[in-house]
Amino acid sequence: MGEKRFETRSWSTKYRDSIAIHAAKKVDKEICLLEPFRSVLAKHEYTADNLPTGVVVATAKLEECLKLVTLGTDKVAAIREADEVMIPIEGNEISFGWFERGRFAWQLTEVKRIAPVPAIGKQGLWNWEGE
């Protein structure tokens, strides 16, 4: 939907290339009723009841894997360790991930929605044999 730039994870990766974005089989229906999730879903004509599940919904490029840092009580940033450039995390983005110190923000670019393709997801990075 183009609503987030980062996917948050507890682990780093050196992988930098194309990645498929998989929608889990299970939907957290309660969080779909809370803001900003409800408004963002509605903007794209989704509800908790019609979200695609168990499918690949997009492709992207994993551009960077950034370390998360906190800047005070309510500010978060991702830091590129190679040159120590700090990227602020703001707005809805904060709600759409787990931005806690010591975690990682995978910066995604070239995100392209695709028609949903059934796929069995797995933990971690895995090979998808789709298009």
C-alpha atoms as a PDB file:
ATOM      1  CA  MET A   1       0.000   0.000   0.000  1.00  0.00           C
ATOM      2  CA  GLY A   2       3.062   2.241   0.174  1.00  0.00           C
ATOM      3  CA  GLU A   3       2.338   3.265   3.755  1.00  0.00           C
ATOM      4  CA  LYS A   4       5.652   2.236   5.315  1.00  0.00           C
ATOM      5  CA  ARG A   5       9.337   2.407   4.421  1.00  0.00           C
ATOM      6  CA  PHE A   6      10.689  -0.017   6.999  1.00  0.00           C
ATOM      7  CA  GLU A   7      10.096  -3.594   8.071  1.00  0.00           C
ATOM      8  CA  THR A   8      11.312  -4.120  11.632  1.00  0.00           C
ATOM      9  CA  ARG A   9      13.090  -7.253  12.801  1.00  0.00           C
ATOM     10  CA  SER A  10      15.041  -8.440  15.840  1.00  0.00           C
ATOM     11  CA  TRP A  11      17.902  -9.541  13.595  1.00  0.00           C
ATOM     12  CA  SER A  12      20.195  -8.004  11.030  1.00  0.00           C
ATOM     13  CA  THR A  13      20.841  -9.307   7.527  1.00  0.00           C
ATOM     14  CA  LYS A  14      23.546  -8.699   4.948  1.00  0.00           C
ATOM     15  CA  TYR A  15      21.097  -9.605   2.160  1.00  0.00           C
ATOM     16  CA  ARG A  16      20.490  -6.728  -0.279  1.00  0.00           C
ATOM     17  CA  ASP A  17      18.317  -7.539  -3.259  1.00  0.00           C
ATOM     18  CA  SER A  18      14.768  -8.341  -4.302  1.00  0.00           C
ATOM     19  CA  ILE A  19      12.365  -9.507  -1.645  1.00  0.00           C
ATOM     20  CA  ALA A  20       8.761 -10.699  -1.694  1.00  0.00           C
ATOM     21  CA  ILE A  21       6.314  -9.338   0.880  1.00  0.00           C
ATOM     22  CA  HIS A  22       4.150 -12.097   2.328  1.00  0.00           C
ATOM     23  CA  ALA A  23       0.872 -11.514   4.182  1.00  0.00           C
ATOM     24  CA  ALA A  24       0.520 -13.871   7.124  1.00  0.00           C
ATOM     25  CA  LYS A  25      -2.376 -16.319   7.357  1.00  0.00           C
ATOM     26  CA  LYS A  26      -3.626 -14.787  10.594  1.00  0.00           C
ATOM     27  CA  VAL A  27      -4.991 -11.230  10.909  1.00  0.00           C
ATOM     28  CA  ASP A  28      -4.906  -9.322  14.201  1.00  0.00           C
ATOM     29  CA  LYS A  29      -8.502  -8.106  13.915  1.00  0.00           C
ATOM     30  CA  GLU A  30      -8.331  -6.036  17.100  1.00  0.00           C
ATOM     31  CA  ILE A  31      -5.440  -3.880  15.902  1.00  0.00           C
ATOM     32  CA  CYS A  32      -7.274  -3.292  12.601  1.00  0.00           C
ATOM     33  CA  LEU A  33      -9.896  -1.343  14.584  1.00  0.00           C
ATOM     34  CA  LEU A  34      -7.340   0.995  16.172  1.00  0.00           C
ATOM     35  CA  GLU A  35      -5.857   4.150  14.682  1.00  0.00           C
ATOM     36  CA  PRO A  36      -3.899   4.661  12.509  1.00  0.00           C
ATOM     37  CA  PHE A  37      -4.485   1.119  11.200  1.00  0.00           C
ATOM     38  CA  ARG A  38      -8.252   1.535  10.680  1.00  0.00           C
ATOM     39  CA  SER A  39      -7.906   4.746   8.661  1.00  0.00           C
ATOM     40  CA  VAL A  40      -5.023   3.478   6.533  1.00  0.00           C
ATOM     41  CA  LEU A  41      -6.843   0.231   5.756  1.00  0.00           C
ATOM     42  CA  ALA A  42     -10.039   2.147   4.890  1.00  0.00           C
ATOM     43  CA  LYS A  43      -8.063   4.461   2.593  1.00  0.00           C
ATOM     44  CA  HIS A  44      -7.112   1.371   0.576  1.00  0.00           C
ATOM     45  CA  GLU A  45     -10.611  -0.200   0.871  1.00  0.00           C
ATOM     46  CA  TYR A  46      -9.563  -2.875   3.358  1.00  0.00           C
ATOM     47  CA  THR A  47     -10.968  -4.063   6.671  1.00  0.00           C
ATOM     48  CA  ALA A  48      -9.890  -6.878   8.981  1.00  0.00           C
ATOM     49  CA  ASP A  49     -12.326  -9.096   7.083  1.00  0.00           C
ATOM     50  CA  ASN A  50     -11.010  -8.613   3.535  1.00  0.00           C
ATOM     51  CA  LEU A  51      -7.246  -8.368   3.978  1.00  0.00           C
ATOM     52  CA  PRO A  52      -5.338 -10.853   1.810  1.00  0.00           C
ATOM     53  CA  THR A  53      -3.827 -13.673   3.881  1.00  0.00           C
ATOM     54  CA  GLY A  54      -1.358 -16.461   3.142  1.00  0.00           C
ATOM     55  CA  VAL A  55      -0.218 -14.760  -0.064  1.00  0.00           C
ATOM     56  CA  VAL A  56       2.623 -12.714  -1.481  1.00  0.00           C
ATOM     57  CA  VAL A  57       1.217  -9.213  -2.042  1.00  0.00           C
ATOM     58  CA  ALA A  58       4.223  -7.213  -3.245  1.00  0.00           C
ATOM     59  CA  THR A  59       7.856  -7.237  -4.204  1.00  0.00           C
ATOM     60  CA  ALA A  60      10.515  -4.748  -3.117  1.00  0.00           C
ATOM     61  CA  LYS A  61      14.231  -4.196  -2.889  1.00  0.00           C
ATOM     62  CA  LEU A  62      15.843  -4.582   0.526  1.00  0.00           C
ATOM     63  CA  GLU A  63      18.065  -1.512   0.313  1.00  0.00           C
ATOM     64  CA  GLU A  64      19.565  -1.241   3.800  1.00  0.00           C
ATOM     65  CA  CYS A  65      19.489  -2.915   7.190  1.00  0.00           C
ATOM     66  CA  LEU A  66      19.649  -0.154   9.790  1.00  0.00           C
ATOM     67  CA  LYS A  67      20.149  -0.317  13.556  1.00  0.00           C
ATOM     68  CA  LEU A  68      17.429   1.362  15.622  1.00  0.00           C
ATOM     69  CA  VAL A  69      18.217   3.926  18.308  1.00  0.00           C
ATOM     70  CA  THR A  70      16.003   5.966  20.617  1.00  0.00           C
ATOM     71  CA  LEU A  71      16.294   9.736  20.820  1.00  0.00           C
ATOM     72  CA  GLY A  72      14.496  10.605  24.024  1.00  0.00           C
ATOM     73  CA  THR A  73      11.183   9.193  25.180  1.00  0.00           C
ATOM     74  CA  ASP A  74       9.137   9.523  21.998  1.00  0.00           C
ATOM     75  CA  LYS A  75      11.607   9.803  19.116  1.00  0.00           C
ATOM     76  CA  VAL A  76      13.179   6.985  17.162  1.00  0.00           C
ATOM     77  CA  ALA A  77      15.774   6.889  14.405  1.00  0.00           C
ATOM     78  CA  ALA A  78      17.480   4.305  12.261  1.00  0.00           C
ATOM     79  CA  ILE A  79      21.226   4.623  11.845  1.00  0.00           C
ATOM     80  CA  ARG A  80      23.247   3.455   8.854  1.00  0.00           C
ATOM     81  CA  GLU A  81      26.367   2.113  10.528  1.00  0.00           C
ATOM     82  CA  ALA A  82      28.641   2.482   7.462  1.00  0.00           C
ATOM     83  CA  ASP A  83      28.506   6.297   7.550  1.00  0.00           C
ATOM     84  CA  GLU A  84      26.494   6.924  10.733  1.00  0.00           C
ATOM     85  CA  VAL A  85      23.715   8.706   8.817  1.00  0.00           C
ATOM     86  CA  MET A  86      20.635   8.947  11.027  1.00  0.00           C
ATOM     87  CA  ILE A  87      17.162   8.588   9.487  1.00  0.00           C
ATOM     88  CA  PRO A  88      14.282   9.807  11.684  1.00  0.00           C
ATOM     89  CA  ILE A  89      11.264   7.514  12.063  1.00  0.00           C
ATOM     90  CA  GLU A  90       8.092   9.599  12.178  1.00  0.00           C
ATOM     91  CA  GLY A  91       4.334   9.608  11.792  1.00  0.00           C
ATOM     92  CA  ASN A  92       2.349   6.424  11.189  1.00  0.00           C
ATOM     93  CA  GLU A  93       5.601   4.585  10.491  1.00  0.00           C
ATOM     94  CA  ILE A  94       6.169   4.305  14.254  1.00  0.00           C
ATOM     95  CA  SER A  95       2.846   2.448  14.666  1.00  0.00           C
ATOM     96  CA  PHE A  96       3.580   0.082  11.783  1.00  0.00           C
ATOM     97  CA  GLY A  97       6.688  -1.533  13.290  1.00  0.00           C
ATOM     98  CA  TRP A  98       8.472  -2.466  16.484  1.00  0.00           C
ATOM     99  CA  PHE A  99      10.976   0.365  16.777  1.00  0.00           C
ATOM    100  CA  GLU A 100      12.834  -0.546  19.944  1.00  0.00           C
ATOM    101  CA  ARG A 101      16.506   0.110  20.616  1.00  0.00           C
ATOM    102  CA  GLY A 102      18.659  -2.819  19.472  1.00  0.00           C
ATOM    103  CA  ARG A 103      16.225  -3.957  16.772  1.00  0.00           C
ATOM    104  CA  PHE A 104      16.686  -3.407  13.027  1.00  0.00           C
ATOM    105  CA  ALA A 105      14.808  -1.504  10.338  1.00  0.00           C
ATOM    106  CA  TRP A 106      14.942  -3.057   6.898  1.00  0.00           C
ATOM    107  CA  GLN A 107      14.641  -0.170   4.449  1.00  0.00           C
ATOM    108  CA  LEU A 108      12.503  -1.197   1.477  1.00  0.00           C
ATOM    109  CA  THR A 109      12.527   0.604  -1.885  1.00  0.00           C
ATOM    110  CA  GLU A 110      10.944  -0.080  -5.273  1.00  0.00           C
ATOM    111  CA  VAL A 111       7.847  -1.569  -3.611  1.00  0.00           C
ATOM    112  CA  LYS A 112       5.395  -2.915  -6.206  1.00  0.00           C
ATOM    113  CA  ARG A 113       1.984  -4.360  -5.411  1.00  0.00           C
ATOM    114  CA  ILE A 114       1.179  -7.554  -7.269  1.00  0.00           C
ATOM    115  CA  ALA A 115      -1.960  -9.633  -7.605  1.00  0.00           C
ATOM    116  CA  PRO A 116      -1.964 -11.912  -4.539  1.00  0.00           C
ATOM    117  CA  VAL A 117      -0.074 -15.177  -5.113  1.00  0.00           C
ATOM    118  CA  PRO A 118      -0.712 -18.058  -2.651  1.00  0.00           C
ATOM    119  CA  ALA A 119       2.463 -18.949  -0.749  1.00  0.00           C
ATOM    120  CA  ILE A 120       3.310 -20.724   2.460  1.00  0.00           C
ATOM    121  CA  GLY A 121       5.287 -18.294   4.598  1.00  0.00           C
ATOM    122  CA  LYS A 122       8.196 -19.168   6.852  1.00  0.00           C
ATOM    123  CA  GLN A 123      10.154 -17.446   9.588  1.00  0.00           C
ATOM    124  CA  GLY A 124      13.210 -15.532   8.407  1.00  0.00           C
ATOM    125  CA  LEU A 125      14.235 -15.111   4.778  1.00  0.00           C
ATOM    126  CA  TRP A 126      13.170 -17.926   2.470  1.00  0.00           C
ATOM    127  CA  ASN A 127      13.210 -18.605  -1.250  1.00  0.00           C
ATOM    128  CA  TRP A 128       9.980 -17.864  -3.069  1.00  0.00           C
ATOM    129  CA  GLU A 129       9.650 -19.487  -6.460  1.00  0.00           C
ATOM    130  CA  GLY A 130       6.995 -17.025  -7.673  1.00  0.00           C
ATOM    131  CA  GLU A 131       7.213 -14.486 -10.459  1.00  0.00           C
END
